[in-house]
């Protein structure tokens, strides 16, 4: 008699290279190219890592679009500006879109 065991699903590979942490803070997003170029949005960040962050937006942006994000620095270090590129854009509930951006070298 052979016993049947349930198959163990393969581990889901996490493509993120840096750990994320939940960070809810205001940021100013300026779209540098493509659709909405020159527009400025005030957003609330969702999470942050050393290589990028995510936020919600009412307007969809395209993967590959370049942005400038300004937000408060940790520990009262004033405002920090990051050049970034959209790496994920997906619709979520309530008519918003989740954007994930990767920081680029200045």
C-alpha atoms as a PDB file:
ATOM      1  CA  UNK A   1       0.000   0.000   0.000  1.00  0.00           C
ATOM      2  CA  UNK A   2       1.380   3.389  -0.942  1.00  0.00           C
ATOM      3  CA  UNK A   3       0.425   6.497   0.932  1.00  0.00           C
ATOM      4  CA  UNK A   4      -0.382   9.630  -0.939  1.00  0.00           C
ATOM      5  CA  UNK A   5       0.938  12.860   0.460  1.00  0.00           C
ATOM      6  CA  UNK A   6      -0.261  16.252  -0.687  1.00  0.00           C
ATOM      7  CA  UNK A   7       2.151  17.958  -3.014  1.00  0.00           C
ATOM      8  CA  UNK A   8       4.180  20.717  -1.443  1.00  0.00           C
ATOM      9  CA  UNK A   9       3.883  23.871  -3.522  1.00  0.00           C
ATOM     10  CA  UNK A  10       7.170  25.337  -4.724  1.00  0.00           C
ATOM     11  CA  UNK A  11       8.409  28.360  -2.834  1.00  0.00           C
ATOM     12  CA  UNK A  12       7.325  31.632  -4.344  1.00  0.00           C
ATOM     13  CA  UNK A  13      10.410  33.528  -5.407  1.00  0.00           C
ATOM     14  CA  UNK A  14      10.456  37.094  -4.073  1.00  0.00           C
ATOM     15  CA  UNK A  15      12.138  39.322  -6.667  1.00  0.00           C
ATOM     16  CA  UNK A  16      12.737  42.139  -4.202  1.00  0.00           C
ATOM     17  CA  UNK A  17      16.384  42.568  -3.392  1.00  0.00           C
ATOM     18  CA  UNK A  18      15.804  44.744  -0.297  1.00  0.00           C
ATOM     19  CA  UNK A  19      13.526  44.329   2.688  1.00  0.00           C
ATOM     20  CA  UNK A  20      10.506  46.592   2.740  1.00  0.00           C
ATOM     21  CA  UNK A  21       8.948  48.306   5.677  1.00  0.00           C
ATOM     22  CA  UNK A  22       5.583  49.968   5.922  1.00  0.00           C
ATOM     23  CA  UNK A  23       6.065  53.739   5.787  1.00  0.00           C
ATOM     24  CA  UNK A  24       3.039  56.003   5.610  1.00  0.00           C
ATOM     25  CA  UNK A  25       4.217  59.511   4.807  1.00  0.00           C
ATOM     26  CA  UNK A  26       3.330  62.299   2.400  1.00  0.00           C
ATOM     27  CA  UNK A  27       5.399  62.662  -0.750  1.00  0.00           C
ATOM     28  CA  UNK A  28       5.305  64.900  -3.805  1.00  0.00           C
ATOM     29  CA  UNK A  29       5.529  63.083  -7.153  1.00  0.00           C
ATOM     30  CA  UNK A  30       6.454  64.952 -10.336  1.00  0.00           C
ATOM     31  CA  UNK A  31       5.989  63.075 -13.605  1.00  0.00           C
ATOM     32  CA  UNK A  32       8.983  63.767 -15.863  1.00  0.00           C
ATOM     33  CA  UNK A  33       7.957  62.085 -19.129  1.00  0.00           C
ATOM     34  CA  UNK A  34       5.151  60.279 -20.933  1.00  0.00           C
ATOM     35  CA  UNK A  35       1.476  60.658 -20.097  1.00  0.00           C
ATOM     36  CA  UNK A  36       0.939  63.281 -17.365  1.00  0.00           C
ATOM     37  CA  UNK A  37       4.443  64.767 -17.953  1.00  0.00           C
ATOM     38  CA  UNK A  38       4.888  67.895 -15.846  1.00  0.00           C
ATOM     39  CA  UNK A  39       2.003  67.048 -13.508  1.00  0.00           C
ATOM     40  CA  UNK A  40       2.605  67.028  -9.765  1.00  0.00           C
ATOM     41  CA  UNK A  41       0.714  64.782  -7.316  1.00  0.00           C
ATOM     42  CA  UNK A  42       0.669  64.627  -3.525  1.00  0.00           C
ATOM     43  CA  UNK A  43       0.605  60.975  -2.439  1.00  0.00           C
ATOM     44  CA  UNK A  44       0.874  58.837   0.674  1.00  0.00           C
ATOM     45  CA  UNK A  45       3.627  56.241   0.518  1.00  0.00           C
ATOM     46  CA  UNK A  46       2.751  52.646   1.427  1.00  0.00           C
ATOM     47  CA  UNK A  47       6.137  51.046   1.894  1.00  0.00           C
ATOM     48  CA  UNK A  48       9.787  51.829   1.453  1.00  0.00           C
ATOM     49  CA  UNK A  49      13.045  49.966   0.915  1.00  0.00           C
ATOM     50  CA  UNK A  50      16.590  51.024   0.126  1.00  0.00           C
ATOM     51  CA  UNK A  51      15.836  50.593  -3.581  1.00  0.00           C
ATOM     52  CA  UNK A  52      12.320  51.992  -3.986  1.00  0.00           C
ATOM     53  CA  UNK A  53       8.839  52.647  -2.651  1.00  0.00           C
ATOM     54  CA  UNK A  54       5.170  52.233  -3.466  1.00  0.00           C
ATOM     55  CA  UNK A  55       2.214  54.577  -3.321  1.00  0.00           C
ATOM     56  CA  UNK A  56      -1.385  54.929  -4.497  1.00  0.00           C
ATOM     57  CA  UNK A  57      -2.416  57.298  -7.260  1.00  0.00           C
ATOM     58  CA  UNK A  58      -5.745  58.086  -8.940  1.00  0.00           C
ATOM     59  CA  UNK A  59      -4.056  58.262 -12.375  1.00  0.00           C
ATOM     60  CA  UNK A  60      -2.325  55.249 -13.957  1.00  0.00           C
ATOM     61  CA  UNK A  61       1.300  55.689 -14.939  1.00  0.00           C
ATOM     62  CA  UNK A  62       3.169  53.426 -17.340  1.00  0.00           C
ATOM     63  CA  UNK A  63       6.007  51.095 -16.454  1.00  0.00           C
ATOM     64  CA  UNK A  64       9.213  52.834 -17.502  1.00  0.00           C
ATOM     65  CA  UNK A  65       8.018  56.389 -16.820  1.00  0.00           C
ATOM     66  CA  UNK A  66      10.467  58.601 -14.951  1.00  0.00           C
ATOM     67  CA  UNK A  67       9.455  60.477 -11.813  1.00  0.00           C
ATOM     68  CA  UNK A  68      10.934  62.736  -9.196  1.00  0.00           C
ATOM     69  CA  UNK A  69       9.766  62.058  -5.632  1.00  0.00           C
ATOM     70  CA  UNK A  70      10.310  64.426  -2.734  1.00  0.00           C
ATOM     71  CA  UNK A  71       9.667  63.301   0.829  1.00  0.00           C
ATOM     72  CA  UNK A  72      10.754  64.033   4.380  1.00  0.00           C
ATOM     73  CA  UNK A  73      14.052  62.478   5.393  1.00  0.00           C
ATOM     74  CA  UNK A  74      14.303  60.157   8.380  1.00  0.00           C
ATOM     75  CA  UNK A  75      15.155  61.746  11.684  1.00  0.00           C
ATOM     76  CA  UNK A  76      14.270  65.256  10.591  1.00  0.00           C
ATOM     77  CA  UNK A  77      16.917  65.425   7.845  1.00  0.00           C
ATOM     78  CA  UNK A  78      14.779  67.777   5.750  1.00  0.00           C
ATOM     79  CA  UNK A  79      13.427  66.952   2.319  1.00  0.00           C
ATOM     80  CA  UNK A  80      14.993  64.209   0.196  1.00  0.00           C
ATOM     81  CA  UNK A  81      14.522  64.042  -3.568  1.00  0.00           C
ATOM     82  CA  UNK A  82      14.795  60.787  -5.521  1.00  0.00           C
ATOM     83  CA  UNK A  83      14.858  60.185  -9.267  1.00  0.00           C
ATOM     84  CA  UNK A  84      12.840  57.009  -9.927  1.00  0.00           C
ATOM     85  CA  UNK A  85      11.348  54.792 -12.577  1.00  0.00           C
ATOM     86  CA  UNK A  86       7.918  53.115 -12.447  1.00  0.00           C
ATOM     87  CA  UNK A  87       8.433  49.338 -12.275  1.00  0.00           C
ATOM     88  CA  UNK A  88       4.844  48.301 -11.485  1.00  0.00           C
ATOM     89  CA  UNK A  89       1.456  49.896 -12.116  1.00  0.00           C
ATOM     90  CA  UNK A  90      -1.675  47.978 -11.229  1.00  0.00           C
ATOM     91  CA  UNK A  91      -5.288  48.845 -10.465  1.00  0.00           C
ATOM     92  CA  UNK A  92      -6.493  48.321  -6.900  1.00  0.00           C
ATOM     93  CA  UNK A  93      -9.874  48.955  -5.314  1.00  0.00           C
ATOM     94  CA  UNK A  94     -11.642  52.331  -5.105  1.00  0.00           C
ATOM     95  CA  UNK A  95     -10.440  53.599  -8.497  1.00  0.00           C
ATOM     96  CA  UNK A  96      -6.794  53.931  -7.521  1.00  0.00           C
ATOM     97  CA  UNK A  97      -3.610  52.470  -8.895  1.00  0.00           C
ATOM     98  CA  UNK A  98      -0.677  51.072  -6.963  1.00  0.00           C
ATOM     99  CA  UNK A  99       2.633  52.352  -8.278  1.00  0.00           C
ATOM    100  CA  UNK A 100       5.959  50.790  -7.392  1.00  0.00           C
ATOM    101  CA  UNK A 101       9.058  52.779  -8.268  1.00  0.00           C
ATOM    102  CA  UNK A 102      12.744  52.001  -8.187  1.00  0.00           C
ATOM    103  CA  UNK A 103      15.224  54.704  -7.203  1.00  0.00           C
ATOM    104  CA  UNK A 104      17.752  55.727  -9.845  1.00  0.00           C
ATOM    105  CA  UNK A 105      21.210  57.211  -9.413  1.00  0.00           C
ATOM    106  CA  UNK A 106      21.206  60.990  -9.226  1.00  0.00           C
END
